[in-house]
N, C-alpha and C. Protein backbone atom coordinates (compact mmCIF):
# COMPACT_ATOMS: atom_id res chain seq x y z
N MET A 1 -4.47 -2.62 7.89
CA MET A 1 -4.07 -2.20 6.57
C MET A 1 -3.39 -0.85 6.65
N TYR A 2 -2.42 -0.70 5.80
CA TYR A 2 -1.65 0.54 5.75
C TYR A 2 -1.91 1.24 4.43
N VAL A 3 -2.16 2.53 4.49
CA VAL A 3 -2.34 3.36 3.30
C VAL A 3 -1.30 4.47 3.37
N GLY A 4 -0.57 4.67 2.29
CA GLY A 4 0.44 5.71 2.29
C GLY A 4 0.76 6.20 0.89
N VAL A 5 1.54 7.26 0.83
CA VAL A 5 1.96 7.86 -0.43
C VAL A 5 3.47 7.80 -0.50
N THR A 6 4.00 7.51 -1.69
CA THR A 6 5.44 7.52 -1.89
C THR A 6 5.75 7.81 -3.35
N SER A 7 6.93 8.36 -3.57
CA SER A 7 7.40 8.54 -4.95
C SER A 7 8.33 7.40 -5.36
N ASP A 8 8.60 6.48 -4.43
CA ASP A 8 9.48 5.34 -4.68
C ASP A 8 8.84 4.09 -4.08
N LEU A 9 7.91 3.49 -4.79
CA LEU A 9 7.15 2.36 -4.25
C LEU A 9 8.04 1.17 -3.93
N THR A 10 8.92 0.79 -4.83
CA THR A 10 9.76 -0.38 -4.56
C THR A 10 10.67 -0.14 -3.35
N GLY A 11 11.20 1.05 -3.24
CA GLY A 11 12.04 1.39 -2.09
C GLY A 11 11.27 1.37 -0.79
N ARG A 12 10.06 1.92 -0.82
CA ARG A 12 9.23 1.96 0.39
C ARG A 12 8.85 0.55 0.83
N ILE A 13 8.48 -0.30 -0.11
CA ILE A 13 8.11 -1.67 0.23
C ILE A 13 9.31 -2.42 0.79
N TYR A 14 10.48 -2.22 0.21
CA TYR A 14 11.69 -2.86 0.72
C TYR A 14 11.91 -2.48 2.19
N ILE A 15 11.75 -1.22 2.50
CA ILE A 15 11.91 -0.74 3.88
C ILE A 15 10.91 -1.43 4.81
N HIS A 16 9.66 -1.52 4.38
CA HIS A 16 8.63 -2.15 5.22
C HIS A 16 8.88 -3.65 5.36
N LYS A 17 9.23 -4.31 4.28
CA LYS A 17 9.47 -5.76 4.33
C LYS A 17 10.62 -6.13 5.26
N ASN A 18 11.56 -5.24 5.39
CA ASN A 18 12.75 -5.50 6.20
C ASN A 18 12.72 -4.79 7.56
N ASP A 19 11.55 -4.28 7.93
CA ASP A 19 11.35 -3.61 9.23
C ASP A 19 12.42 -2.55 9.50
N LEU A 20 12.71 -1.75 8.47
CA LEU A 20 13.74 -0.72 8.60
C LEU A 20 13.18 0.62 9.05
N ALA A 21 11.86 0.70 9.20
CA ALA A 21 11.24 1.95 9.64
C ALA A 21 10.35 1.66 10.85
N ASP A 22 10.46 2.51 11.83
CA ASP A 22 9.56 2.39 12.98
C ASP A 22 8.18 2.85 12.57
N GLY A 23 7.18 2.39 13.29
CA GLY A 23 5.83 2.85 13.02
C GLY A 23 4.85 1.72 12.82
N PHE A 24 3.74 2.05 12.19
CA PHE A 24 2.59 1.16 12.04
C PHE A 24 2.97 -0.17 11.37
N THR A 25 3.66 -0.10 10.24
CA THR A 25 3.95 -1.33 9.50
C THR A 25 4.90 -2.24 10.26
N ASN A 26 5.83 -1.68 10.98
CA ASN A 26 6.74 -2.48 11.79
C ASN A 26 6.02 -3.08 12.98
N LYS A 27 5.22 -2.28 13.65
CA LYS A 27 4.49 -2.73 14.85
C LYS A 27 3.55 -3.88 14.52
N TYR A 28 2.87 -3.79 13.38
CA TYR A 28 1.87 -4.80 13.02
C TYR A 28 2.36 -5.79 11.96
N HIS A 29 3.66 -5.77 11.68
CA HIS A 29 4.29 -6.73 10.76
C HIS A 29 3.60 -6.78 9.40
N ILE A 30 3.39 -5.61 8.83
CA ILE A 30 2.79 -5.50 7.51
C ILE A 30 3.90 -5.54 6.48
N HIS A 31 3.92 -6.61 5.68
CA HIS A 31 5.02 -6.81 4.76
C HIS A 31 4.59 -7.03 3.31
N ASN A 32 3.32 -7.18 3.04
CA ASN A 32 2.87 -7.50 1.68
C ASN A 32 2.19 -6.31 1.03
N LEU A 33 2.54 -6.08 -0.22
CA LEU A 33 1.88 -5.08 -1.05
C LEU A 33 0.76 -5.80 -1.80
N VAL A 34 -0.48 -5.49 -1.48
CA VAL A 34 -1.61 -6.19 -2.11
C VAL A 34 -2.41 -5.28 -3.03
N TYR A 35 -2.13 -3.99 -3.01
CA TYR A 35 -2.86 -3.05 -3.86
C TYR A 35 -2.05 -1.75 -3.94
N PHE A 36 -2.06 -1.14 -5.10
CA PHE A 36 -1.49 0.19 -5.23
C PHE A 36 -2.13 0.91 -6.40
N GLU A 37 -2.04 2.21 -6.39
CA GLU A 37 -2.54 3.05 -7.47
C GLU A 37 -1.43 3.99 -7.88
N VAL A 38 -1.41 4.33 -9.16
CA VAL A 38 -0.49 5.32 -9.69
C VAL A 38 -1.30 6.56 -10.02
N THR A 39 -0.79 7.72 -9.62
CA THR A 39 -1.49 8.97 -9.89
C THR A 39 -0.61 9.88 -10.76
N GLU A 40 -1.23 10.92 -11.27
CA GLU A 40 -0.52 11.85 -12.15
C GLU A 40 0.45 12.75 -11.40
N ASP A 41 0.11 13.11 -10.16
CA ASP A 41 0.95 14.03 -9.40
C ASP A 41 0.77 13.80 -7.90
N VAL A 42 1.63 14.40 -7.11
CA VAL A 42 1.63 14.19 -5.67
C VAL A 42 0.35 14.72 -5.02
N THR A 43 -0.20 15.80 -5.55
CA THR A 43 -1.43 16.35 -4.96
C THR A 43 -2.58 15.38 -5.08
N SER A 44 -2.74 14.77 -6.25
CA SER A 44 -3.82 13.80 -6.40
C SER A 44 -3.55 12.54 -5.58
N ALA A 45 -2.29 12.18 -5.40
CA ALA A 45 -1.94 11.03 -4.57
C ALA A 45 -2.32 11.28 -3.12
N ILE A 46 -2.03 12.45 -2.62
CA ILE A 46 -2.36 12.79 -1.23
C ILE A 46 -3.87 12.86 -1.04
N THR A 47 -4.57 13.41 -2.01
CA THR A 47 -6.04 13.46 -1.95
C THR A 47 -6.62 12.06 -1.88
N ARG A 48 -6.11 11.16 -2.72
CA ARG A 48 -6.60 9.77 -2.73
C ARG A 48 -6.24 9.06 -1.42
N GLU A 49 -5.05 9.30 -0.90
CA GLU A 49 -4.66 8.71 0.38
C GLU A 49 -5.63 9.11 1.48
N LYS A 50 -5.94 10.39 1.56
CA LYS A 50 -6.88 10.88 2.58
C LYS A 50 -8.25 10.24 2.41
N GLN A 51 -8.68 10.09 1.17
CA GLN A 51 -9.97 9.45 0.89
C GLN A 51 -9.97 8.01 1.40
N LEU A 52 -8.95 7.25 1.03
CA LEU A 52 -8.88 5.84 1.43
C LEU A 52 -8.76 5.66 2.93
N LYS A 53 -8.07 6.56 3.59
CA LYS A 53 -7.92 6.46 5.05
C LYS A 53 -9.25 6.64 5.77
N LYS A 54 -10.20 7.29 5.13
CA LYS A 54 -11.52 7.47 5.72
C LYS A 54 -12.43 6.26 5.50
N TRP A 55 -12.06 5.40 4.57
CA TRP A 55 -12.88 4.23 4.27
C TRP A 55 -12.84 3.23 5.41
N ASN A 56 -13.93 2.48 5.57
CA ASN A 56 -13.90 1.41 6.55
C ASN A 56 -13.18 0.20 5.96
N ARG A 57 -12.86 -0.75 6.83
CA ARG A 57 -12.07 -1.91 6.41
C ARG A 57 -12.76 -2.70 5.30
N ALA A 58 -14.06 -2.89 5.39
CA ALA A 58 -14.80 -3.67 4.39
C ALA A 58 -14.66 -3.06 2.99
N TRP A 59 -14.70 -1.75 2.90
CA TRP A 59 -14.55 -1.09 1.60
C TRP A 59 -13.14 -1.31 1.04
N LYS A 60 -12.14 -1.24 1.92
CA LYS A 60 -10.76 -1.47 1.49
C LYS A 60 -10.57 -2.91 1.03
N VAL A 61 -11.14 -3.84 1.77
CA VAL A 61 -11.05 -5.26 1.38
C VAL A 61 -11.69 -5.47 0.02
N ALA A 62 -12.86 -4.88 -0.21
CA ALA A 62 -13.55 -5.02 -1.50
C ALA A 62 -12.70 -4.45 -2.64
N LEU A 63 -12.05 -3.32 -2.41
CA LEU A 63 -11.19 -2.71 -3.43
C LEU A 63 -10.01 -3.63 -3.76
N ILE A 64 -9.40 -4.19 -2.73
CA ILE A 64 -8.28 -5.12 -2.94
C ILE A 64 -8.75 -6.35 -3.69
N GLU A 65 -9.84 -6.95 -3.23
CA GLU A 65 -10.30 -8.21 -3.81
C GLU A 65 -10.82 -8.05 -5.24
N LYS A 66 -11.26 -6.87 -5.59
CA LYS A 66 -11.68 -6.62 -6.97
C LYS A 66 -10.49 -6.73 -7.92
N ASN A 67 -9.33 -6.28 -7.47
CA ASN A 67 -8.13 -6.24 -8.30
C ASN A 67 -7.13 -7.36 -8.02
N ASN A 68 -7.19 -7.92 -6.82
CA ASN A 68 -6.22 -8.92 -6.39
C ASN A 68 -6.92 -9.93 -5.48
N PRO A 69 -7.81 -10.75 -6.04
CA PRO A 69 -8.64 -11.63 -5.21
C PRO A 69 -7.86 -12.63 -4.36
N GLU A 70 -6.65 -12.98 -4.78
CA GLU A 70 -5.85 -13.92 -4.00
C GLU A 70 -4.96 -13.22 -2.97
N TRP A 71 -4.99 -11.92 -2.94
CA TRP A 71 -4.15 -11.13 -2.03
C TRP A 71 -2.67 -11.47 -2.25
N ARG A 72 -2.28 -11.63 -3.52
CA ARG A 72 -0.88 -11.89 -3.83
C ARG A 72 -0.02 -10.68 -3.44
N ASP A 73 1.20 -10.95 -3.06
CA ASP A 73 2.15 -9.88 -2.79
C ASP A 73 2.63 -9.35 -4.14
N LEU A 74 2.32 -8.12 -4.47
CA LEU A 74 2.62 -7.52 -5.76
C LEU A 74 4.04 -6.98 -5.86
N TYR A 75 4.77 -7.02 -4.78
CA TYR A 75 6.14 -6.50 -4.79
C TYR A 75 7.01 -7.20 -5.82
N CYS A 76 6.89 -8.51 -5.91
CA CYS A 76 7.71 -9.28 -6.87
C CYS A 76 7.42 -8.83 -8.31
N ASP A 77 6.18 -8.48 -8.61
CA ASP A 77 5.84 -7.99 -9.94
C ASP A 77 6.55 -6.67 -10.24
N LEU A 78 6.74 -5.85 -9.23
CA LEU A 78 7.37 -4.54 -9.42
C LEU A 78 8.86 -4.66 -9.68
N ILE A 79 9.52 -5.61 -9.03
CA ILE A 79 10.97 -5.68 -9.14
C ILE A 79 11.44 -6.59 -10.28
N ASN A 80 10.52 -7.32 -10.90
CA ASN A 80 10.90 -8.20 -12.02
C ASN A 80 10.61 -7.57 -13.36
């Protein structure tokens, strides 16, 4: 699972889906957006990112499944 911060979610997902950036998502072929949060400002976004990165996988799975039990790719919802 990948956790990150961006000010342009649709743009960032497009880059990941098309393997246009080197790194974790390209190496592990991570292409689906299954969960995201919107914050008031960049400081709170970075704080939340750091918090989530410390979580174990089971906690992240539970967070995703609470909001997106089918693990649908939410990217299409953003661009439509």
